[in-house]
Amino acid sequence: MDEYEDIGAESVTDNVTAEYLRDYLAKARKGVGSRGGKVLGYTKSGLAVYQSKPARHSSYINFGKKDHGEAGEMHHKLAQKHWDSARSGKGNPEASKKAAMFHEKRGRQHATRS
């Protein structure tokens, strides 16, 4: 039995496509943000900062003091954007205030670890 028969590949082209697809999906299951976390940005050392995960989350196990400091800055910048949006009256000011307070909290959590 051909190793690609289980996914219905019938030709060399299908085999190449099936192999590519299998590799792509395997990487997608393991990559940054692959489990639904929204990536806010990356630290200078290349580590992902997630929008909603608290600073003590296991995703940050490899973070050093500088990484937490940078993550805190990212959250504070996003909080400032939300405050600006709330003051401008565009969109939903209450939702913007809530989001600003959320990111201020996340920023403080990272700052205490830096």
N, C-alpha and C. Protein backbone atom coordinates (compact mmCIF):
# COMPACT_ATOMS: atom_id res chain seq x y z
N MET A 1 0.85 -1.19 0.00
CA MET A 1 0.00 0.00 0.00
C MET A 1 0.89 1.24 0.00
N ASP A 2 0.58 2.16 -0.88
CA ASP A 2 1.31 3.42 -0.99
C ASP A 2 1.07 4.25 0.27
N GLU A 3 2.11 4.95 0.74
CA GLU A 3 1.98 5.72 1.98
C GLU A 3 0.97 6.86 1.89
N TYR A 4 0.57 7.24 0.68
CA TYR A 4 -0.36 8.35 0.52
C TYR A 4 -1.78 7.89 0.19
N GLU A 5 -1.98 6.58 0.06
CA GLU A 5 -3.32 6.08 -0.27
C GLU A 5 -4.34 6.43 0.80
N ASP A 6 -3.89 6.52 2.06
CA ASP A 6 -4.81 6.80 3.14
C ASP A 6 -5.47 8.17 3.03
N ILE A 7 -4.89 9.07 2.24
CA ILE A 7 -5.51 10.39 2.06
C ILE A 7 -6.01 10.58 0.63
N GLY A 8 -6.04 9.51 -0.14
CA GLY A 8 -6.63 9.54 -1.46
C GLY A 8 -5.73 10.04 -2.57
N ALA A 9 -4.42 10.07 -2.38
CA ALA A 9 -3.50 10.53 -3.43
C ALA A 9 -3.39 9.46 -4.50
N GLU A 10 -3.54 9.88 -5.76
CA GLU A 10 -3.52 8.92 -6.85
C GLU A 10 -2.38 9.10 -7.83
N SER A 11 -1.68 10.20 -7.80
CA SER A 11 -0.60 10.43 -8.74
C SER A 11 0.58 11.05 -8.01
N VAL A 12 1.68 11.21 -8.74
CA VAL A 12 2.87 11.83 -8.16
C VAL A 12 2.55 13.25 -7.70
N THR A 13 1.80 13.98 -8.51
CA THR A 13 1.43 15.34 -8.14
C THR A 13 0.61 15.34 -6.86
N ASP A 14 -0.34 14.41 -6.78
CA ASP A 14 -1.15 14.30 -5.56
C ASP A 14 -0.27 13.94 -4.37
N ASN A 15 0.73 13.07 -4.59
CA ASN A 15 1.63 12.67 -3.50
C ASN A 15 2.40 13.88 -2.97
N VAL A 16 2.92 14.69 -3.88
CA VAL A 16 3.68 15.88 -3.48
C VAL A 16 2.76 16.85 -2.74
N THR A 17 1.57 17.05 -3.27
CA THR A 17 0.60 17.94 -2.64
C THR A 17 0.21 17.42 -1.27
N ALA A 18 -0.04 16.13 -1.17
CA ALA A 18 -0.43 15.53 0.10
C ALA A 18 0.69 15.64 1.13
N GLU A 19 1.92 15.43 0.71
CA GLU A 19 3.06 15.54 1.63
C GLU A 19 3.22 16.99 2.12
N TYR A 20 3.11 17.93 1.19
CA TYR A 20 3.21 19.35 1.54
C TYR A 20 2.11 19.72 2.54
N LEU A 21 0.89 19.28 2.24
CA LEU A 21 -0.25 19.59 3.10
C LEU A 21 -0.06 18.98 4.49
N ARG A 22 0.38 17.76 4.56
CA ARG A 22 0.60 17.09 5.84
C ARG A 22 1.66 17.85 6.66
N ASP A 23 2.76 18.25 6.03
CA ASP A 23 3.81 19.02 6.73
C ASP A 23 3.28 20.37 7.20
N TYR A 24 2.54 21.03 6.32
CA TYR A 24 1.99 22.34 6.65
C TYR A 24 1.05 22.25 7.86
N LEU A 25 0.18 21.27 7.85
CA LEU A 25 -0.77 21.12 8.95
C LEU A 25 -0.07 20.74 10.25
N ALA A 26 0.97 19.94 10.17
CA ALA A 26 1.72 19.56 11.37
C ALA A 26 2.37 20.79 11.99
N LYS A 27 2.93 21.66 11.16
CA LYS A 27 3.56 22.88 11.67
C LYS A 27 2.51 23.85 12.22
N ALA A 28 1.36 23.91 11.58
CA ALA A 28 0.31 24.83 11.99
C ALA A 28 -0.21 24.48 13.38
N ARG A 29 -0.19 23.21 13.74
CA ARG A 29 -0.67 22.79 15.06
C ARG A 29 0.28 23.18 16.17
N LYS A 30 1.53 23.47 15.84
CA LYS A 30 2.55 23.72 16.85
C LYS A 30 3.02 25.16 16.90
N GLY A 31 2.67 25.96 15.92
CA GLY A 31 3.21 27.31 15.81
C GLY A 31 2.63 28.30 16.80
N VAL A 32 3.25 29.46 16.85
CA VAL A 32 2.81 30.55 17.71
C VAL A 32 1.40 30.95 17.31
N GLY A 33 0.51 31.04 18.29
CA GLY A 33 -0.87 31.43 18.03
C GLY A 33 -1.73 30.34 17.42
N SER A 34 -1.20 29.13 17.27
CA SER A 34 -1.93 28.06 16.60
C SER A 34 -3.10 27.53 17.43
N ARG A 35 -3.11 27.81 18.72
CA ARG A 35 -4.18 27.32 19.57
C ARG A 35 -5.16 28.43 19.92
N GLY A 36 -5.23 29.46 19.09
CA GLY A 36 -6.22 30.50 19.27
C GLY A 36 -5.75 31.75 19.97
N GLY A 37 -4.53 31.76 20.45
CA GLY A 37 -4.02 32.96 21.11
C GLY A 37 -3.65 34.02 20.10
N LYS A 38 -4.12 35.25 20.32
CA LYS A 38 -3.79 36.34 19.40
C LYS A 38 -2.44 36.92 19.81
N VAL A 39 -1.51 36.93 18.88
CA VAL A 39 -0.17 37.44 19.14
C VAL A 39 -0.19 38.96 19.01
N LEU A 40 0.23 39.63 20.09
CA LEU A 40 0.27 41.08 20.13
C LEU A 40 1.52 41.60 19.45
N GLY A 41 2.61 40.85 19.56
CA GLY A 41 3.88 41.23 18.97
C GLY A 41 4.97 40.30 19.46
N TYR A 42 6.20 40.67 19.19
CA TYR A 42 7.34 39.84 19.56
C TYR A 42 8.37 40.69 20.30
N THR A 43 9.02 40.08 21.27
CA THR A 43 10.09 40.76 21.98
C THR A 43 11.31 40.82 21.07
N LYS A 44 12.32 41.60 21.47
CA LYS A 44 13.54 41.70 20.67
C LYS A 44 14.25 40.35 20.56
N SER A 45 14.01 39.48 21.54
CA SER A 45 14.62 38.15 21.49
C SER A 45 13.78 37.16 20.68
N GLY A 46 12.66 37.63 20.11
CA GLY A 46 11.85 36.81 19.21
C GLY A 46 10.74 36.02 19.87
N LEU A 47 10.46 36.26 21.15
CA LEU A 47 9.40 35.53 21.84
C LEU A 47 8.05 36.22 21.64
N ALA A 48 7.01 35.42 21.47
CA ALA A 48 5.67 35.95 21.22
C ALA A 48 5.05 36.51 22.50
N VAL A 49 4.37 37.65 22.34
CA VAL A 49 3.60 38.25 23.43
C VAL A 49 2.14 38.11 23.03
N TYR A 50 1.36 37.46 23.89
CA TYR A 50 -0.05 37.22 23.59
C TYR A 50 -0.92 38.33 24.15
N GLN A 51 -2.00 38.61 23.44
CA GLN A 51 -2.88 39.70 23.80
C GLN A 51 -3.59 39.44 25.13
N SER A 52 -4.04 38.24 25.40
CA SER A 52 -4.89 38.04 26.57
C SER A 52 -4.33 37.14 27.65
N LYS A 53 -3.16 36.57 27.47
CA LYS A 53 -2.63 35.66 28.50
C LYS A 53 -1.92 36.45 29.60
N PRO A 54 -2.18 36.08 30.87
CA PRO A 54 -1.51 36.77 31.98
C PRO A 54 -0.01 36.48 32.00
N ALA A 55 0.75 37.35 32.62
CA ALA A 55 2.22 37.25 32.64
C ALA A 55 2.72 35.95 33.27
N ARG A 56 1.93 35.35 34.12
CA ARG A 56 2.36 34.10 34.78
C ARG A 56 2.03 32.85 33.95
N HIS A 57 1.41 33.04 32.79
CA HIS A 57 1.01 31.91 31.92
C HIS A 57 2.23 31.11 31.47
N SER A 58 2.04 29.83 31.24
CA SER A 58 3.14 28.95 30.82
C SER A 58 3.76 29.35 29.48
N SER A 59 3.05 30.12 28.68
CA SER A 59 3.60 30.60 27.41
C SER A 59 4.80 31.50 27.62
N TYR A 60 4.90 32.08 28.82
CA TYR A 60 5.97 33.02 29.12
C TYR A 60 7.09 32.40 29.95
N ILE A 61 7.15 31.09 30.02
CA ILE A 61 8.14 30.41 30.86
C ILE A 61 9.58 30.76 30.50
N ASN A 62 9.84 31.05 29.22
CA ASN A 62 11.20 31.37 28.78
C ASN A 62 11.49 32.87 28.79
N PHE A 63 10.58 33.66 29.30
CA PHE A 63 10.77 35.11 29.33
C PHE A 63 11.74 35.50 30.44
N GLY A 64 12.66 36.38 30.09
CA GLY A 64 13.54 36.98 31.08
C GLY A 64 12.96 38.32 31.50
N LYS A 65 13.68 39.02 32.34
CA LYS A 65 13.20 40.32 32.82
C LYS A 65 13.00 41.32 31.68
N LYS A 66 13.94 41.34 30.73
CA LYS A 66 13.80 42.27 29.59
C LYS A 66 12.57 41.93 28.75
N ASP A 67 12.35 40.63 28.53
CA ASP A 67 11.20 40.21 27.72
C ASP A 67 9.90 40.65 28.39
N HIS A 68 9.80 40.46 29.71
CA HIS A 68 8.59 40.90 30.41
C HIS A 68 8.44 42.42 30.33
N GLY A 69 9.55 43.13 30.42
CA GLY A 69 9.49 44.59 30.30
C GLY A 69 8.96 45.01 28.94
N GLU A 70 9.44 44.36 27.89
CA GLU A 70 8.98 44.68 26.53
C GLU A 70 7.51 44.31 26.36
N ALA A 71 7.10 43.18 26.93
CA ALA A 71 5.70 42.76 26.84
C ALA A 71 4.81 43.78 27.55
N GLY A 72 5.26 44.25 28.70
CA GLY A 72 4.50 45.26 29.43
C GLY A 72 4.34 46.53 28.61
N GLU A 73 5.40 46.94 27.94
CA GLU A 73 5.33 48.14 27.09
C GLU A 73 4.33 47.95 25.96
N MET A 74 4.31 46.76 25.35
CA MET A 74 3.36 46.50 24.26
C MET A 74 1.93 46.63 24.76
N HIS A 75 1.65 46.06 25.93
CA HIS A 75 0.30 46.16 26.49
C HIS A 75 -0.05 47.60 26.83
N HIS A 76 0.89 48.35 27.38
CA HIS A 76 0.62 49.76 27.71
C HIS A 76 0.36 50.59 26.46
N LYS A 77 1.08 50.32 25.38
CA LYS A 77 0.83 51.04 24.12
C LYS A 77 -0.55 50.74 23.58
N LEU A 78 -0.94 49.47 23.66
CA LEU A 78 -2.27 49.09 23.19
C LEU A 78 -3.35 49.73 24.07
N ALA A 79 -3.09 49.76 25.37
CA ALA A 79 -4.04 50.41 26.29
C ALA A 79 -4.21 51.88 25.91
N GLN A 80 -3.12 52.55 25.58
CA GLN A 80 -3.19 53.96 25.21
C GLN A 80 -4.03 54.16 23.94
N LYS A 81 -3.89 53.25 22.99
CA LYS A 81 -4.71 53.34 21.77
C LYS A 81 -6.20 53.22 22.12
N HIS A 82 -6.51 52.29 23.04
CA HIS A 82 -7.91 52.12 23.44
C HIS A 82 -8.42 53.36 24.18
N TRP A 83 -7.59 53.95 25.06
CA TRP A 83 -8.00 55.18 25.75
C TRP A 83 -8.25 56.30 24.74
N ASP A 84 -7.37 56.42 23.76
CA ASP A 84 -7.53 57.45 22.72
C ASP A 84 -8.84 57.25 21.96
N SER A 85 -9.13 55.99 21.65
CA SER A 85 -10.37 55.67 20.94
C SER A 85 -11.59 56.00 21.80
N ALA A 86 -11.51 55.70 23.09
CA ALA A 86 -12.63 55.98 24.00
C ALA A 86 -12.89 57.49 24.08
N ARG A 87 -11.81 58.27 24.15
CA ARG A 87 -11.95 59.74 24.25
C ARG A 87 -12.46 60.36 22.96
N SER A 88 -12.15 59.75 21.83
CA SER A 88 -12.57 60.32 20.55
C SER A 88 -14.06 60.12 20.30
N GLY A 89 -14.66 59.16 21.00
CA GLY A 89 -16.09 58.90 20.83
C GLY A 89 -16.40 58.01 19.65
N LYS A 90 -15.38 57.60 18.90
CA LYS A 90 -15.61 56.71 17.76
C LYS A 90 -15.84 55.29 18.26
N GLY A 91 -16.65 54.57 17.55
CA GLY A 91 -16.91 53.18 17.93
C GLY A 91 -17.69 53.09 19.23
N ASN A 92 -17.28 52.19 20.09
CA ASN A 92 -17.95 51.96 21.37
C ASN A 92 -17.02 52.41 22.50
N PRO A 93 -17.22 53.61 23.03
CA PRO A 93 -16.33 54.12 24.07
C PRO A 93 -16.23 53.22 25.31
N GLU A 94 -17.35 52.61 25.70
CA GLU A 94 -17.32 51.74 26.88
C GLU A 94 -16.46 50.50 26.64
N ALA A 95 -16.56 49.92 25.46
CA ALA A 95 -15.75 48.76 25.12
C ALA A 95 -14.27 49.14 25.05
N SER A 96 -14.00 50.34 24.54
CA SER A 96 -12.62 50.81 24.46
C SER A 96 -12.03 51.02 25.86
N LYS A 97 -12.83 51.58 26.77
CA LYS A 97 -12.37 51.77 28.15
C LYS A 97 -12.06 50.42 28.81
N LYS A 98 -12.95 49.47 28.59
CA LYS A 98 -12.78 48.14 29.17
C LYS A 98 -11.49 47.49 28.64
N ALA A 99 -11.27 47.61 27.33
CA ALA A 99 -10.07 47.04 26.71
C ALA A 99 -8.82 47.75 27.21
N ALA A 100 -8.90 49.06 27.40
CA ALA A 100 -7.75 49.82 27.91
C ALA A 100 -7.38 49.36 29.31
N MET A 101 -8.38 49.19 30.16
CA MET A 101 -8.11 48.74 31.53
C MET A 101 -7.54 47.32 31.54
N PHE A 102 -8.04 46.48 30.66
CA PHE A 102 -7.54 45.11 30.56
C PHE A 102 -6.05 45.11 30.22
N HIS A 103 -5.67 45.89 29.21
CA HIS A 103 -4.26 45.90 28.78
C HIS A 103 -3.37 46.61 29.79
N GLU A 104 -3.91 47.58 30.52
CA GLU A 104 -3.13 48.19 31.59
C GLU A 104 -2.80 47.13 32.65
N LYS A 105 -3.78 46.31 32.96
CA LYS A 105 -3.58 45.24 33.95
C LYS A 105 -2.52 44.25 33.47
N ARG A 106 -2.62 43.83 32.20
CA ARG A 106 -1.63 42.89 31.65
C ARG A 106 -0.24 43.53 31.64
N GLY A 107 -0.18 44.81 31.32
CA GLY A 107 1.09 45.52 31.32
C GLY A 107 1.72 45.56 32.70
N ARG A 108 0.89 45.81 33.72
CA ARG A 108 1.40 45.82 35.10
C ARG A 108 1.90 44.45 35.52
N GLN A 109 1.19 43.41 35.10
CA GLN A 109 1.61 42.05 35.44
C GLN A 109 3.01 41.76 34.89
N HIS A 110 3.24 42.15 33.65
CA HIS A 110 4.56 41.92 33.05
C HIS A 110 5.60 42.81 33.73
N ALA A 111 5.22 44.05 34.05
CA ALA A 111 6.18 44.99 34.65
C ALA A 111 6.67 44.47 36.01
N THR A 112 5.81 43.79 36.75
CA THR A 112 6.23 43.28 38.06
C THR A 112 7.21 42.12 37.92
N ARG A 113 7.28 41.53 36.74
CA ARG A 113 8.20 40.43 36.50
C ARG A 113 9.50 40.89 35.82
N SER A 114 9.58 42.18 35.52
CA SER A 114 10.78 42.68 34.82
C SER A 114 11.80 43.25 35.80
